[in-house]
Amino acid sequence: MYSLTGADRTYRLIAGVFILLVAVFSLTDVLQVLALASAGLLLTTAIINSCPLVELQVRSADAA
């Protein structure tokens, strides 16, 4: 039967920790990109909604 030596266990532990760290950093990067994208979308929407020209166009379209 196959048994792991101390070096094998250490190697697997280091490899597992490295993989988990890469996964965590990748996840935080994805979450950061999503947060920035949603903030940009909210900011763009706020700018568009505060623009009087857009409001005039919407009102004229509703009146027509």
PDB file of N, CA and C in Angstrom:
ATOM      1  N   MET A   1       0.835  -1.182   0.000  1.00  0.00           N
ATOM      2  CA  MET A   1       0.000   0.000   0.000  1.00  0.00           C
ATOM      3  C   MET A   1       0.886   1.254   0.000  1.00  0.00           C
ATOM      4  N   TYR A   2       0.435   2.263  -0.707  1.00  0.00           N
ATOM      5  CA  TYR A   2       1.224   3.491  -0.844  1.00  0.00           C
ATOM      6  C   TYR A   2       1.029   4.359   0.391  1.00  0.00           C
ATOM      7  N   SER A   3       2.104   4.863   0.950  1.00  0.00           N
ATOM      8  CA  SER A   3       2.007   5.795   2.077  1.00  0.00           C
ATOM      9  C   SER A   3       2.872   7.016   1.779  1.00  0.00           C
ATOM     10  N   LEU A   4       2.404   8.145   2.237  1.00  0.00           N
ATOM     11  CA  LEU A   4       3.122   9.389   1.986  1.00  0.00           C
ATOM     12  C   LEU A   4       4.240   9.567   3.000  1.00  0.00           C
ATOM     13  N   THR A   5       5.371  10.015   2.522  1.00  0.00           N
ATOM     14  CA  THR A   5       6.467  10.356   3.428  1.00  0.00           C
ATOM     15  C   THR A   5       6.257  11.776   3.940  1.00  0.00           C
ATOM     16  N   GLY A   6       7.081  12.192   4.865  1.00  0.00           N
ATOM     17  CA  GLY A   6       6.979  13.551   5.394  1.00  0.00           C
ATOM     18  C   GLY A   6       7.184  14.595   4.318  1.00  0.00           C
ATOM     19  N   ALA A   7       8.128  14.340   3.421  1.00  0.00           N
ATOM     20  CA  ALA A   7       8.385  15.296   2.338  1.00  0.00           C
ATOM     21  C   ALA A   7       7.190  15.387   1.396  1.00  0.00           C
ATOM     22  N   ASP A   8       6.553  14.240   1.118  1.00  0.00           N
ATOM     23  CA  ASP A   8       5.367  14.250   0.257  1.00  0.00           C
ATOM     24  C   ASP A   8       4.241  15.052   0.893  1.00  0.00           C
ATOM     25  N   ARG A   9       4.056  14.863   2.192  1.00  0.00           N
ATOM     26  CA  ARG A   9       3.000  15.607   2.891  1.00  0.00           C
ATOM     27  C   ARG A   9       3.288  17.108   2.859  1.00  0.00           C
ATOM     28  N   THR A  10       4.530  17.463   3.110  1.00  0.00           N
ATOM     29  CA  THR A  10       4.913  18.882   3.088  1.00  0.00           C
ATOM     30  C   THR A  10       4.706  19.474   1.699  1.00  0.00           C
ATOM     31  N   TYR A  11       5.117  18.736   0.681  1.00  0.00           N
ATOM     32  CA  TYR A  11       4.957  19.207  -0.694  1.00  0.00           C
ATOM     33  C   TYR A  11       3.482  19.395  -1.027  1.00  0.00           C
ATOM     34  N   ARG A  12       2.667  18.424  -0.643  1.00  0.00           N
ATOM     35  CA  ARG A  12       1.231  18.535  -0.939  1.00  0.00           C
ATOM     36  C   ARG A  12       0.594  19.676  -0.158  1.00  0.00           C
ATOM     37  N   LEU A  13       1.031  19.891   1.076  1.00  0.00           N
ATOM     38  CA  LEU A  13       0.497  20.994   1.872  1.00  0.00           C
ATOM     39  C   LEU A  13       0.857  22.337   1.231  1.00  0.00           C
ATOM     40  N   ILE A  14       2.114  22.489   0.842  1.00  0.00           N
ATOM     41  CA  ILE A  14       2.547  23.746   0.211  1.00  0.00           C
ATOM     42  C   ILE A  14       1.816  23.960  -1.113  1.00  0.00           C
ATOM     43  N   ALA A  15       1.681  22.909  -1.900  1.00  0.00           N
ATOM     44  CA  ALA A  15       0.977  23.026  -3.182  1.00  0.00           C
ATOM     45  C   ALA A  15      -0.492  23.382  -2.962  1.00  0.00           C
ATOM     46  N   GLY A  16      -1.120  22.758  -1.969  1.00  0.00           N
ATOM     47  CA  GLY A  16      -2.526  23.052  -1.679  1.00  0.00           C
ATOM     48  C   GLY A  16      -2.727  24.479  -1.210  1.00  0.00           C
ATOM     49  N   VAL A  17      -1.833  24.949  -0.326  1.00  0.00           N
ATOM     50  CA  VAL A  17      -1.931  26.331   0.158  1.00  0.00           C
ATOM     51  C   VAL A  17      -1.727  27.307  -1.000  1.00  0.00           C
ATOM     52  N   PHE A  18      -0.780  27.017  -1.881  1.00  0.00           N
ATOM     53  CA  PHE A  18      -0.532  27.881  -3.034  1.00  0.00           C
ATOM     54  C   PHE A  18      -1.763  27.950  -3.936  1.00  0.00           C
ATOM     55  N   ILE A  19      -2.371  26.799  -4.189  1.00  0.00           N
ATOM     56  CA  ILE A  19      -3.567  26.763  -5.041  1.00  0.00           C
ATOM     57  C   ILE A  19      -4.699  27.552  -4.395  1.00  0.00           C
ATOM     58  N   LEU A  20      -4.871  27.408  -3.081  1.00  0.00           N
ATOM     59  CA  LEU A  20      -5.919  28.165  -2.388  1.00  0.00           C
ATOM     60  C   LEU A  20      -5.644  29.668  -2.444  1.00  0.00           C
ATOM     61  N   LEU A  21      -4.386  30.057  -2.279  1.00  0.00           N
ATOM     62  CA  LEU A  21      -4.051  31.481  -2.360  1.00  0.00           C
ATOM     63  C   LEU A  21      -4.326  32.044  -3.750  1.00  0.00           C
ATOM     64  N   VAL A  22      -3.962  31.302  -4.770  1.00  0.00           N
ATOM     65  CA  VAL A  22      -4.235  31.745  -6.142  1.00  0.00           C
ATOM     66  C   VAL A  22      -5.739  31.868  -6.363  1.00  0.00           C
ATOM     67  N   ALA A  23      -6.499  30.901  -5.859  1.00  0.00           N
ATOM     68  CA  ALA A  23      -7.957  30.946  -6.020  1.00  0.00           C
ATOM     69  C   ALA A  23      -8.550  32.145  -5.294  1.00  0.00           C
ATOM     70  N   VAL A  24      -8.070  32.431  -4.085  1.00  0.00           N
ATOM     71  CA  VAL A  24      -8.594  33.569  -3.318  1.00  0.00           C
ATOM     72  C   VAL A  24      -8.264  34.880  -4.017  1.00  0.00           C
ATOM     73  N   PHE A  25      -7.010  35.027  -4.481  1.00  0.00           N
ATOM     74  CA  PHE A  25      -6.649  36.260  -5.174  1.00  0.00           C
ATOM     75  C   PHE A  25      -7.414  36.405  -6.482  1.00  0.00           C
ATOM     76  N   SER A  26      -7.645  35.324  -7.186  1.00  0.00           N
ATOM     77  CA  SER A  26      -8.425  35.389  -8.421  1.00  0.00           C
ATOM     78  C   SER A  26      -9.856  35.803  -8.124  1.00  0.00           C
ATOM     79  N   LEU A  27     -10.420  35.244  -7.059  1.00  0.00           N
ATOM     80  CA  LEU A  27     -11.793  35.582  -6.685  1.00  0.00           C
ATOM     81  C   LEU A  27     -11.896  37.045  -6.288  1.00  0.00           C
ATOM     82  N   THR A  28     -10.922  37.538  -5.504  1.00  0.00           N
ATOM     83  CA  THR A  28     -10.986  38.941  -5.107  1.00  0.00           C
ATOM     84  C   THR A  28     -10.809  39.856  -6.312  1.00  0.00           C
ATOM     85  N   ASP A  29      -9.988  39.458  -7.286  1.00  0.00           N
ATOM     86  CA  ASP A  29      -9.857  40.259  -8.506  1.00  0.00           C
ATOM     87  C   ASP A  29     -11.175  40.304  -9.269  1.00  0.00           C
ATOM     88  N   VAL A  30     -11.841  39.171  -9.365  1.00  0.00           N
ATOM     89  CA  VAL A  30     -13.133  39.127 -10.061  1.00  0.00           C
ATOM     90  C   VAL A  30     -14.146  39.989  -9.324  1.00  0.00           C
ATOM     91  N   LEU A  31     -14.176  39.888  -7.991  1.00  0.00           N
ATOM     92  CA  LEU A  31     -15.115  40.696  -7.217  1.00  0.00           C
ATOM     93  C   LEU A  31     -14.796  42.182  -7.348  1.00  0.00           C
ATOM     94  N   GLN A  32     -13.509  42.514  -7.403  1.00  0.00           N
ATOM     95  CA  GLN A  32     -13.134  43.913  -7.567  1.00  0.00           C
ATOM     96  C   GLN A  32     -13.565  44.438  -8.934  1.00  0.00           C
ATOM     97  N   VAL A  33     -13.395  43.646  -9.962  1.00  0.00           N
ATOM     98  CA  VAL A  33     -13.827  44.056 -11.301  1.00  0.00           C
ATOM     99  C   VAL A  33     -15.340  44.232 -11.336  1.00  0.00           C
ATOM    100  N   LEU A  34     -16.081  43.306 -10.718  1.00  0.00           N
ATOM    101  CA  LEU A  34     -17.538  43.436 -10.676  1.00  0.00           C
ATOM    102  C   LEU A  34     -17.961  44.677  -9.899  1.00  0.00           C
ATOM    103  N   ALA A  35     -17.277  44.957  -8.792  1.00  0.00           N
ATOM    104  CA  ALA A  35     -17.611  46.142  -8.005  1.00  0.00           C
ATOM    105  C   ALA A  35     -17.348  47.416  -8.798  1.00  0.00           C
ATOM    106  N   LEU A  36     -16.220  47.465  -9.499  1.00  0.00           N
ATOM    107  CA  LEU A  36     -15.917  48.647 -10.302  1.00  0.00           C
ATOM    108  C   LEU A  36     -16.901  48.804 -11.457  1.00  0.00           C
ATOM    109  N   ALA A  37     -17.279  47.695 -12.065  1.00  0.00           N
ATOM    110  CA  ALA A  37     -18.233  47.763 -13.172  1.00  0.00           C
ATOM    111  C   ALA A  37     -19.591  48.250 -12.684  1.00  0.00           C
ATOM    112  N   SER A  38     -20.043  47.745 -11.545  1.00  0.00           N
ATOM    113  CA  SER A  38     -21.344  48.178 -11.034  1.00  0.00           C
ATOM    114  C   SER A  38     -21.291  49.633 -10.589  1.00  0.00           C
ATOM    115  N   ALA A  39     -20.160  50.058 -10.004  1.00  0.00           N
ATOM    116  CA  ALA A  39     -20.025  51.465  -9.620  1.00  0.00           C
ATOM    117  C   ALA A  39     -20.031  52.358 -10.858  1.00  0.00           C
ATOM    118  N   GLY A  40     -19.359  51.918 -11.908  1.00  0.00           N
ATOM    119  CA  GLY A  40     -19.365  52.684 -13.149  1.00  0.00           C
ATOM    120  C   GLY A  40     -20.750  52.772 -13.759  1.00  0.00           C
ATOM    121  N   LEU A  41     -21.480  51.676 -13.696  1.00  0.00           N
ATOM    122  CA  LEU A  41     -22.842  51.670 -14.227  1.00  0.00           C
ATOM    123  C   LEU A  41     -23.744  52.605 -13.429  1.00  0.00           C
ATOM    124  N   LEU A  42     -23.612  52.560 -12.096  1.00  0.00           N
ATOM    125  CA  LEU A  42     -24.414  53.458 -11.261  1.00  0.00           C
ATOM    126  C   LEU A  42     -24.058  54.916 -11.521  1.00  0.00           C
ATOM    127  N   LEU A  43     -22.774  55.197 -11.660  1.00  0.00           N
ATOM    128  CA  LEU A  43     -22.345  56.568 -11.918  1.00  0.00           C
ATOM    129  C   LEU A  43     -22.842  57.051 -13.275  1.00  0.00           C
ATOM    130  N   THR A  44     -22.743  56.203 -14.277  1.00  0.00           N
ATOM    131  CA  THR A  44     -23.231  56.563 -15.609  1.00  0.00           C
ATOM    132  C   THR A  44     -24.733  56.816 -15.588  1.00  0.00           C
ATOM    133  N   THR A  45     -25.464  55.961 -14.894  1.00  0.00           N
ATOM    134  CA  THR A  45     -26.913  56.139 -14.785  1.00  0.00           C
ATOM    135  C   THR A  45     -27.248  57.440 -14.068  1.00  0.00           C
ATOM    136  N   ALA A  46     -26.507  57.744 -13.005  1.00  0.00           N
ATOM    137  CA  ALA A  46     -26.756  58.989 -12.272  1.00  0.00           C
ATOM    138  C   ALA A  46     -26.468  60.205 -13.138  1.00  0.00           C
ATOM    139  N   ILE A  47     -25.408  60.149 -13.923  1.00  0.00           N
ATOM    140  CA  ILE A  47     -25.079  61.276 -14.804  1.00  0.00           C
ATOM    141  C   ILE A  47     -26.150  61.445 -15.872  1.00  0.00           C
ATOM    142  N   ILE A  48     -26.581  60.341 -16.451  1.00  0.00           N
ATOM    143  CA  ILE A  48     -27.611  60.419 -17.490  1.00  0.00           C
ATOM    144  C   ILE A  48     -28.918  60.941 -16.912  1.00  0.00           C
ATOM    145  N   ASN A  49     -29.278  60.471 -15.721  1.00  0.00           N
ATOM    146  CA  ASN A  49     -30.533  60.912 -15.114  1.00  0.00           C
ATOM    147  C   ASN A  49     -30.487  62.374 -14.701  1.00  0.00           C
ATOM    148  N   SER A  50     -29.302  62.899 -14.404  1.00  0.00           N
ATOM    149  CA  SER A  50     -29.208  64.298 -13.987  1.00  0.00           C
ATOM    150  C   SER A  50     -29.048  65.246 -15.168  1.00  0.00           C
ATOM    151  N   CYS A  51     -28.909  64.718 -16.362  1.00  0.00           N
ATOM    152  CA  CYS A  51     -28.714  65.555 -17.541  1.00  0.00           C
ATOM    153  C   CYS A  51     -30.056  66.113 -18.003  1.00  0.00           C
ATOM    154  N   PRO A  52     -30.208  67.437 -18.060  1.00  0.00           N
ATOM    155  CA  PRO A  52     -31.502  68.014 -18.455  1.00  0.00           C
ATOM    156  C   PRO A  52     -31.877  67.706 -19.902  1.00  0.00           C
ATOM    157  N   LEU A  53     -30.888  67.552 -20.786  1.00  0.00           N
ATOM    158  CA  LEU A  53     -31.189  67.264 -22.182  1.00  0.00           C
ATOM    159  C   LEU A  53     -31.902  65.922 -22.308  1.00  0.00           C
ATOM    160  N   VAL A  54     -31.421  64.939 -21.575  1.00  0.00           N
ATOM    161  CA  VAL A  54     -32.059  63.627 -21.618  1.00  0.00           C
ATOM    162  C   VAL A  54     -33.469  63.720 -21.061  1.00  0.00           C
ATOM    163  N   GLU A  55     -33.626  64.493 -19.986  1.00  0.00           N
ATOM    164  CA  GLU A  55     -34.955  64.646 -19.396  1.00  0.00           C
ATOM    165  C   GLU A  55     -35.910  65.315 -20.389  1.00  0.00           C
ATOM    166  N   LEU A  56     -35.427  66.318 -21.116  1.00  0.00           N
ATOM    167  CA  LEU A  56     -36.266  66.969 -22.123  1.00  0.00           C
ATOM    168  C   LEU A  56     -36.642  66.000 -23.237  1.00  0.00           C
ATOM    169  N   GLN A  57     -35.690  65.185 -23.663  1.00  0.00           N
ATOM    170  CA  GLN A  57     -35.976  64.217 -24.719  1.00  0.00           C
ATOM    171  C   GLN A  57     -37.005  63.196 -24.249  1.00  0.00           C
ATOM    172  N   VAL A  58     -36.890  62.755 -23.012  1.00  0.00           N
ATOM    173  CA  VAL A  58     -37.844  61.780 -22.482  1.00  0.00           C
ATOM    174  C   VAL A  58     -39.224  62.403 -22.375  1.00  0.00           C
ATOM    175  N   ARG A  59     -39.289  63.632 -21.898  1.00  0.00           N
ATOM    176  CA  ARG A  59     -40.593  64.298 -21.776  1.00  0.00           C
ATOM    177  C   ARG A  59     -41.230  64.526 -23.146  1.00  0.00           C
ATOM    178  N   SER A  60     -40.419  64.913 -24.132  1.00  0.00           N
ATOM    179  CA  SER A  60     -40.984  65.149 -25.461  1.00  0.00           C
ATOM    180  C   SER A  60     -41.427  63.832 -26.091  1.00  0.00           C
ATOM    181  N   ALA A  61     -40.735  62.744 -25.792  1.00  0.00           N
ATOM    182  CA  ALA A  61     -41.142  61.443 -26.320  1.00  0.00           C
ATOM    183  C   ALA A  61     -42.435  60.985 -25.656  1.00  0.00           C
ATOM    184  N   ASP A  62     -42.594  61.284 -24.365  1.00  0.00           N
ATOM    185  CA  ASP A  62     -43.825  60.906 -23.669  1.00  0.00           C
ATOM    186  C   ASP A  62     -45.011  61.732 -24.165  1.00  0.00           C
ATOM    187  N   ALA A  63     -44.764  62.981 -24.509  1.00  0.00           N
ATOM    188  CA  ALA A  63     -45.844  63.848 -24.957  1.00  0.00           C
ATOM    189  C   ALA A  63     -46.299  63.488 -26.368  1.00  0.00           C
ATOM    190  N   ALA A  64     -45.409  62.913 -27.148  1.00  0.00           N
ATOM    191  CA  ALA A  64     -45.739  62.612 -28.547  1.00  0.00           C
ATOM    192  C   ALA A  64     -46.607  61.398 -28.704  1.00  0.00           C
TER     193      ALA A  64
END
